[in-house]
Amino acid sequence: MTRASLLQSRRDIFKTLLAAALAAAGLASGTGHAADAWPSKPIKIIVPYTPGGSTDIVTRIVMDKLGARLKQTIIIENRPGANSSVGSAVAAKAEPDGYTFLSILPAYIINFHLYKLGYRPADLTPVVQMADLPLFLFVAEDIPVKTVAELVDYARRNPDKLTYASSGNGSSAHLTGADFALQSKITMTHVAYKGSAPILADLLGGRVSMVFDPILVPMQYVKQNRLKALAFTGKQRWPTEPSIPTMEEAGLPGFVTGSWAGLMAPAGTPAPIIERMAREISEIVKEPDVKQKFLDAGFLPASGTTAQFAALMKTDSARYAEIIKQARISVD
């Protein structure tokens, strides 16, 4: 090789390396610019339940406000099935680009203790809690009791007669009922349903004894003397129903439980996007009109950080795992 051709070869190599370096720098710059410009297209929120349920209502209230804040369209996509695992699987496989999120209830973490799933806990990452969904103990009118103590006494005198409903195996209502039976030392039979409507119909018809459920729909039938509300699972009495005692006041120390709604993202979603979503949503749920809408629907706003939501999920996962173990719950 001549000296001239050798110099030309070196120049070509240098140009190739320089072009690669510039391309890499341009890519990094473009990535940063894309993150800064987020969101530049509609955002999809997967709700793994049917329209009109607790998760759906909470999500739509929050996302209506969030869309205005981000100046971007937010699409709610209902993907119900298999105690929320159908929609969760879709979200777990989505691109972690900040344009797909998943709205969840505690069933999301409970499923890992009961089912073989097509996704792992590591496939989705917490964003923020949106709401608390405390539960009331609703009892059929034909059950001859007026208090939790009377209900426990009735169950002990009539073994295996009481049944309790839930929206599915592994739902928070299922495990709350199981926990109630464990702490009260009574025996009840769990009856799983595919939604809230058939539960209410059978509760009103006396075909199921009781259910732990949010206030929204059943309370109107309490007002009509067609159902009884014996207690509330929150730490303090519900603001609009001060005559109904908490479970602790009714004689079960430490029985403070309930459901909640939160947001998840595919693992790998850029941290700045998760941080902004958490910050925006925490501010939204503090707005007076959102607080009122939540209260009317039976929810309480739950602002906080991503770390706080992750800690809540970890604590509840351990608690539900213990209930499953003690109650010997399985879905085989």
Protein backbone atom coordinates (compact mmCIF):
# COMPACT_ATOMS: atom_id res chain seq x y z
CA MET A 1 0.00 0.00 0.00
CA THR A 2 1.38 3.43 -0.98
CA ARG A 3 1.79 6.23 1.51
CA ALA A 4 -1.00 8.19 -0.19
CA SER A 5 -3.46 5.27 -0.06
CA LEU A 6 -2.56 4.62 3.56
CA LEU A 7 -3.30 8.23 4.46
CA GLN A 8 -6.59 8.04 2.57
CA SER A 9 -7.55 4.84 4.41
CA ARG A 10 -6.84 6.52 7.74
CA ARG A 11 -8.93 9.51 6.72
CA ASP A 12 -11.81 7.18 5.80
CA ILE A 13 -11.59 5.41 9.16
CA PHE A 14 -11.49 8.75 10.98
CA LYS A 15 -14.54 9.97 9.06
CA THR A 16 -16.41 6.76 9.89
CA LEU A 17 -15.61 7.07 13.59
CA LEU A 18 -16.50 10.75 13.59
CA ALA A 19 -19.82 10.07 11.86
CA ALA A 20 -20.63 7.37 14.42
CA ALA A 21 -19.77 9.69 17.30
CA LEU A 22 -21.90 12.48 15.85
CA ALA A 23 -24.77 10.06 15.27
CA ALA A 24 -24.55 8.87 18.86
CA ALA A 25 -24.47 12.43 20.11
CA GLY A 26 -27.41 13.29 17.93
CA LEU A 27 -29.33 10.27 19.19
CA ALA A 28 -28.65 11.22 22.80
CA SER A 29 -29.69 14.78 22.08
CA GLY A 30 -32.81 13.60 20.32
CA THR A 31 -33.71 11.30 23.21
CA GLY A 32 -33.39 14.12 25.69
CA HIS A 33 -35.46 16.37 23.46
CA ALA A 34 -38.15 13.67 23.17
CA ALA A 35 -38.29 13.31 26.95
CA ASP A 36 -38.54 17.07 27.34
CA ALA A 37 -41.36 17.16 24.78
CA TRP A 38 -43.41 14.45 26.48
CA PRO A 39 -46.28 13.97 25.95
CA SER A 40 -46.29 14.51 22.19
CA LYS A 41 -49.12 12.06 21.46
CA PRO A 42 -52.17 10.56 23.26
CA ILE A 43 -51.57 8.60 26.46
CA LYS A 44 -53.38 5.30 27.06
CA ILE A 45 -54.56 4.23 30.51
CA ILE A 46 -55.53 0.57 30.72
CA VAL A 47 -58.30 -0.14 33.24
CA PRO A 48 -58.43 -3.93 33.79
CA TYR A 49 -62.11 -3.83 34.79
CA THR A 50 -65.46 -3.10 33.18
CA PRO A 51 -66.69 0.50 32.76
CA GLY A 52 -68.53 1.95 35.75
CA GLY A 53 -66.62 0.12 38.48
CA SER A 54 -64.54 1.72 41.22
CA THR A 55 -61.27 1.67 39.30
CA ASP A 56 -62.89 3.03 36.18
CA ILE A 57 -64.58 5.89 38.04
CA VAL A 58 -61.43 6.94 39.92
CA THR A 59 -59.35 6.77 36.74
CA ARG A 60 -61.76 8.85 34.67
CA ILE A 61 -62.07 11.56 37.33
CA VAL A 62 -58.28 11.90 37.59
CA MET A 63 -57.45 11.53 33.90
CA ASP A 64 -60.00 14.13 32.86
CA LYS A 65 -57.99 16.65 34.87
CA LEU A 66 -54.61 15.25 33.87
CA GLY A 67 -55.37 15.55 30.17
CA ALA A 68 -56.03 19.26 30.61
CA ARG A 69 -52.82 19.74 32.60
CA LEU A 70 -50.67 17.89 30.06
CA LYS A 71 -52.53 19.40 27.09
CA GLN A 72 -52.83 15.96 25.59
CA THR A 73 -55.56 13.41 24.93
CA ILE A 74 -55.81 10.57 27.44
CA ILE A 75 -57.56 7.42 26.27
CA ILE A 76 -59.16 5.05 28.80
CA GLU A 77 -59.09 1.46 27.56
CA ASN A 78 -61.11 -1.08 29.55
CA ARG A 79 -59.56 -4.57 29.37
CA PRO A 80 -61.43 -6.66 31.97
CA GLY A 81 -60.94 -10.31 32.79
CA ALA A 82 -59.32 -12.83 35.14
CA ASN A 83 -59.38 -10.60 38.23
CA SER A 84 -57.55 -7.79 36.37
CA SER A 85 -54.75 -9.99 35.02
CA VAL A 86 -55.85 -9.66 31.37
CA GLY A 87 -55.37 -5.90 31.30
CA SER A 88 -52.28 -6.14 33.49
CA ALA A 89 -50.64 -8.52 31.02
CA VAL A 90 -51.26 -6.08 28.17
CA ALA A 91 -49.68 -3.23 30.14
CA ALA A 92 -46.72 -5.39 31.19
CA LYS A 93 -45.85 -6.00 27.53
CA ALA A 94 -46.31 -2.40 26.40
CA GLU A 95 -43.45 -0.19 25.30
CA PRO A 96 -41.97 1.70 28.29
CA ASP A 97 -42.18 5.01 26.47
CA GLY A 98 -44.50 6.93 28.79
CA TYR A 99 -47.59 6.44 26.68
CA THR A 100 -49.13 3.39 28.39
CA PHE A 101 -50.12 3.10 32.05
CA LEU A 102 -52.21 0.68 34.11
CA SER A 103 -54.78 1.55 36.76
CA ILE A 104 -54.92 -1.06 39.52
CA LEU A 105 -56.65 -2.23 42.69
CA PRO A 106 -55.09 -4.54 45.34
CA ALA A 107 -56.14 -7.51 43.18
CA TYR A 108 -53.05 -6.76 41.10
CA ILE A 109 -50.70 -7.71 43.95
CA ILE A 110 -52.96 -10.47 45.28
CA ASN A 111 -52.90 -12.26 41.91
CA PHE A 112 -49.19 -13.02 42.27
CA HIS A 113 -49.98 -15.09 45.39
CA LEU A 114 -52.78 -17.10 43.75
CA TYR A 115 -52.24 -17.47 40.02
CA LYS A 116 -49.60 -18.42 37.50
CA LEU A 117 -49.39 -15.25 35.44
CA GLY A 118 -47.84 -14.41 32.11
CA TYR A 119 -45.98 -11.48 33.62
CA ARG A 120 -43.84 -10.78 36.69
CA PRO A 121 -43.96 -8.10 39.40
CA ALA A 122 -40.79 -6.66 37.88
CA ASP A 123 -42.55 -6.06 34.55
CA LEU A 124 -44.48 -3.09 35.94
CA THR A 125 -43.37 -0.31 38.25
CA PRO A 126 -45.43 1.84 40.69
CA VAL A 127 -46.25 5.42 39.75
CA VAL A 128 -48.58 6.79 42.44
CA GLN A 129 -51.63 5.99 44.54
CA MET A 130 -54.75 7.89 43.49
CA ALA A 131 -57.41 7.00 46.04
CA ASP A 132 -58.38 4.99 49.09
CA LEU A 133 -61.51 2.86 48.72
CA PRO A 134 -62.63 1.94 52.26
CA LEU A 135 -65.30 -0.71 52.57
CA PHE A 136 -68.57 -1.09 54.44
CA LEU A 137 -69.94 -4.35 55.78
CA PHE A 138 -73.35 -4.74 54.12
CA VAL A 139 -75.65 -7.51 55.34
CA ALA A 140 -78.85 -8.90 53.83
CA GLU A 141 -82.05 -7.71 55.48
CA ASP A 142 -83.19 -11.25 56.35
CA ILE A 143 -80.13 -11.93 58.54
CA PRO A 144 -81.49 -11.26 62.06
CA VAL A 145 -78.68 -9.03 63.32
CA LYS A 146 -78.09 -5.31 63.86
CA THR A 147 -74.44 -5.19 64.96
CA VAL A 148 -71.16 -6.89 64.17
CA ALA A 149 -71.22 -8.61 67.57
CA GLU A 150 -74.67 -10.03 66.81
CA LEU A 151 -73.45 -11.16 63.38
CA VAL A 152 -70.52 -13.02 64.93
CA ASP A 153 -72.79 -14.61 67.54
CA TYR A 154 -75.28 -15.61 64.82
CA ALA A 155 -72.47 -17.22 62.79
CA ARG A 156 -71.25 -19.20 65.78
CA ARG A 157 -74.74 -20.46 66.53
CA ASN A 158 -75.36 -21.30 62.85
CA PRO A 159 -72.12 -22.80 61.55
CA ASP A 160 -71.63 -22.64 57.77
CA LYS A 161 -74.88 -20.76 57.24
CA LEU A 162 -73.37 -17.38 56.39
CA THR A 163 -72.06 -16.65 52.91
CA TYR A 164 -70.07 -13.64 51.76
CA ALA A 165 -69.78 -12.28 48.25
CA SER A 166 -66.94 -10.75 46.27
CA SER A 167 -66.28 -9.73 42.69
CA GLY A 168 -63.92 -12.67 42.23
CA ASN A 169 -61.39 -15.02 43.79
CA GLY A 170 -58.49 -12.95 45.03
CA SER A 171 -60.32 -9.65 45.10
CA SER A 172 -59.82 -7.38 48.11
CA ALA A 173 -63.44 -8.02 49.13
CA HIS A 174 -62.72 -11.77 49.09
CA LEU A 175 -59.67 -11.44 51.34
CA THR A 176 -61.35 -8.88 53.60
CA GLY A 177 -64.20 -11.34 54.19
CA ALA A 178 -61.71 -14.13 54.84
CA ASP A 179 -59.83 -11.92 57.30
CA PHE A 180 -63.08 -11.06 59.08
CA ALA A 181 -63.84 -14.77 59.48
CA LEU A 182 -60.33 -15.45 60.80
CA GLN A 183 -60.37 -12.61 63.33
CA SER A 184 -63.94 -13.39 64.46
CA LYS A 185 -63.25 -17.13 64.62
CA ILE A 186 -66.30 -17.95 62.54
CA THR A 187 -66.91 -20.00 59.42
CA MET A 188 -68.39 -18.50 56.25
CA THR A 189 -68.59 -19.64 52.63
CA HIS A 190 -67.17 -17.41 49.94
CA VAL A 191 -69.25 -16.86 46.80
CA ALA A 192 -67.40 -15.36 43.84
CA TYR A 193 -69.27 -13.23 41.30
CA LYS A 194 -68.28 -11.66 37.99
CA GLY A 195 -69.30 -8.15 38.93
CA SER A 196 -71.06 -5.86 41.37
CA ALA A 197 -74.52 -6.02 39.81
CA PRO A 198 -75.18 -9.73 40.44
CA ILE A 199 -73.79 -9.39 43.98
CA LEU A 200 -76.28 -6.64 44.76
CA ALA A 201 -79.17 -8.59 43.21
CA ASP A 202 -78.41 -11.68 45.31
CA LEU A 203 -77.81 -9.62 48.44
CA LEU A 204 -81.19 -7.92 48.06
CA GLY A 205 -82.78 -11.27 47.31
CA GLY A 206 -81.25 -12.93 50.38
CA ARG A 207 -79.30 -15.44 48.31
CA VAL A 208 -76.01 -14.29 49.81
CA SER A 209 -75.56 -13.06 53.40
CA MET A 210 -73.08 -10.20 53.24
CA VAL A 211 -70.39 -8.31 51.32
CA PHE A 212 -67.57 -5.87 52.03
CA ASP A 213 -68.11 -3.17 49.42
CA PRO A 214 -67.63 0.57 48.79
CA ILE A 215 -70.49 2.86 49.72
CA LEU A 216 -71.56 4.05 46.26
CA VAL A 217 -74.34 1.65 45.24
CA PRO A 218 -75.41 -0.44 48.28
CA MET A 219 -75.95 2.51 50.65
CA GLN A 220 -79.05 3.68 48.80
CA TYR A 221 -80.67 0.35 49.66
CA VAL A 222 -79.69 0.78 53.30
CA LYS A 223 -81.68 4.05 53.22
CA GLN A 224 -84.63 2.07 51.88
CA ASN A 225 -84.30 -0.52 54.69
CA ARG A 226 -83.54 -3.24 52.16
CA LEU A 227 -79.95 -3.78 53.39
CA LYS A 228 -78.03 -3.19 56.62
CA ALA A 229 -74.69 -1.43 56.96
CA LEU A 230 -73.12 -2.76 60.15
CA ALA A 231 -69.63 -1.25 60.10
CA PHE A 232 -66.92 0.59 58.20
CA THR A 233 -63.38 -0.69 57.63
CA GLY A 234 -61.64 2.70 57.78
CA LYS A 235 -59.72 4.17 60.70
CA GLN A 236 -62.38 6.83 61.26
CA ARG A 237 -66.09 6.91 60.52
CA TRP A 238 -67.16 7.84 57.01
CA PRO A 239 -67.93 11.60 56.79
CA THR A 240 -71.48 11.26 55.45
CA GLU A 241 -72.41 8.21 57.57
CA PRO A 242 -71.30 9.12 61.12
CA SER A 243 -73.78 6.73 62.75
CA ILE A 244 -72.04 3.65 61.31
CA PRO A 245 -69.20 2.46 63.58
CA THR A 246 -65.77 1.38 62.42
CA MET A 247 -64.89 -2.30 62.64
CA GLU A 248 -62.58 -1.45 65.53
CA GLU A 249 -65.41 0.28 67.38
CA ALA A 250 -67.61 -2.72 66.61
CA GLY A 251 -65.27 -5.02 68.51
CA LEU A 252 -62.45 -6.05 66.17
CA PRO A 253 -59.26 -4.23 67.27
CA GLY A 254 -56.84 -3.64 64.41
CA PHE A 255 -59.36 -4.42 61.70
CA VAL A 256 -58.57 -1.43 59.49
CA THR A 257 -58.50 -2.35 55.84
CA GLY A 258 -59.92 -1.46 52.49
CA SER A 259 -59.10 -1.13 48.87
CA TRP A 260 -57.19 1.51 46.93
CA ALA A 261 -56.58 2.62 43.37
CA GLY A 262 -53.17 3.38 41.93
CA LEU A 263 -51.24 3.76 38.70
CA MET A 264 -48.49 1.54 37.28
CA ALA A 265 -46.18 1.87 34.29
CA PRO A 266 -44.23 -0.67 32.21
CA ALA A 267 -40.79 -1.24 33.73
CA GLY A 268 -38.22 0.97 32.08
CA THR A 269 -40.50 3.96 31.66
CA PRO A 270 -38.25 7.05 31.99
CA ALA A 271 -38.02 8.24 35.59
CA PRO A 272 -38.77 11.89 34.73
CA ILE A 273 -42.09 10.83 33.19
CA ILE A 274 -43.04 8.73 36.22
CA GLU A 275 -42.07 11.58 38.52
CA ARG A 276 -44.18 14.06 36.59
CA MET A 277 -47.20 11.74 36.49
CA ALA A 278 -46.91 11.23 40.26
CA ARG A 279 -46.57 14.93 40.93
CA GLU A 280 -49.45 15.97 38.67
CA ILE A 281 -51.84 13.32 40.03
CA SER A 282 -50.97 14.14 43.65
CA GLU A 283 -51.89 17.76 42.95
CA ILE A 284 -55.08 16.82 41.08
CA VAL A 285 -56.57 14.75 43.92
CA LYS A 286 -56.17 17.73 46.27
CA GLU A 287 -58.42 19.92 44.14
CA PRO A 288 -61.76 20.64 45.89
CA ASP A 289 -63.99 19.46 43.03
CA VAL A 290 -62.04 16.20 42.72
CA LYS A 291 -62.27 15.62 46.47
CA GLN A 292 -66.05 16.09 46.27
CA LYS A 293 -66.41 13.75 43.31
CA PHE A 294 -64.36 11.15 45.16
CA LEU A 295 -66.45 11.52 48.31
CA ASP A 296 -69.70 11.23 46.34
CA ALA A 297 -68.42 8.02 44.78
CA GLY A 298 -67.13 6.58 48.06
CA PHE A 299 -63.43 7.31 47.68
CA LEU A 300 -60.87 9.34 49.57
CA PRO A 301 -58.03 11.17 47.77
CA ALA A 302 -54.58 9.71 48.39
CA SER A 303 -51.77 11.99 47.33
CA GLY A 304 -48.19 10.87 47.83
CA THR A 305 -44.96 9.85 46.16
CA THR A 306 -43.95 6.90 44.04
CA ALA A 307 -41.89 5.55 46.94
CA GLN A 308 -44.87 5.75 49.29
CA PHE A 309 -47.07 3.84 46.85
CA ALA A 310 -44.40 1.19 46.39
CA ALA A 311 -44.17 0.81 50.18
CA LEU A 312 -47.96 0.45 50.47
CA MET A 313 -47.97 -2.27 47.81
CA LYS A 314 -45.19 -4.13 49.59
CA THR A 315 -46.95 -3.97 52.97
CA ASP A 316 -50.31 -5.03 51.55
CA SER A 317 -48.74 -7.83 49.55
CA ALA A 318 -47.31 -9.32 52.74
CA ARG A 319 -50.60 -8.84 54.61
CA TYR A 320 -52.68 -10.49 51.89
CA ALA A 321 -50.18 -13.34 51.59
CA GLU A 322 -50.65 -14.06 55.31
CA ILE A 323 -54.46 -14.03 54.99
CA ILE A 324 -54.24 -16.41 52.02
CA LYS A 325 -52.01 -18.72 54.03
CA GLN A 326 -54.10 -18.69 57.21
CA ALA A 327 -57.42 -19.03 55.38
CA ARG A 328 -55.94 -21.68 53.07
CA ILE A 329 -57.25 -19.87 50.01
CA SER A 330 -56.46 -21.34 46.61
CA VAL A 331 -57.92 -21.07 43.14
CA ASP A 332 -57.08 -24.60 41.94
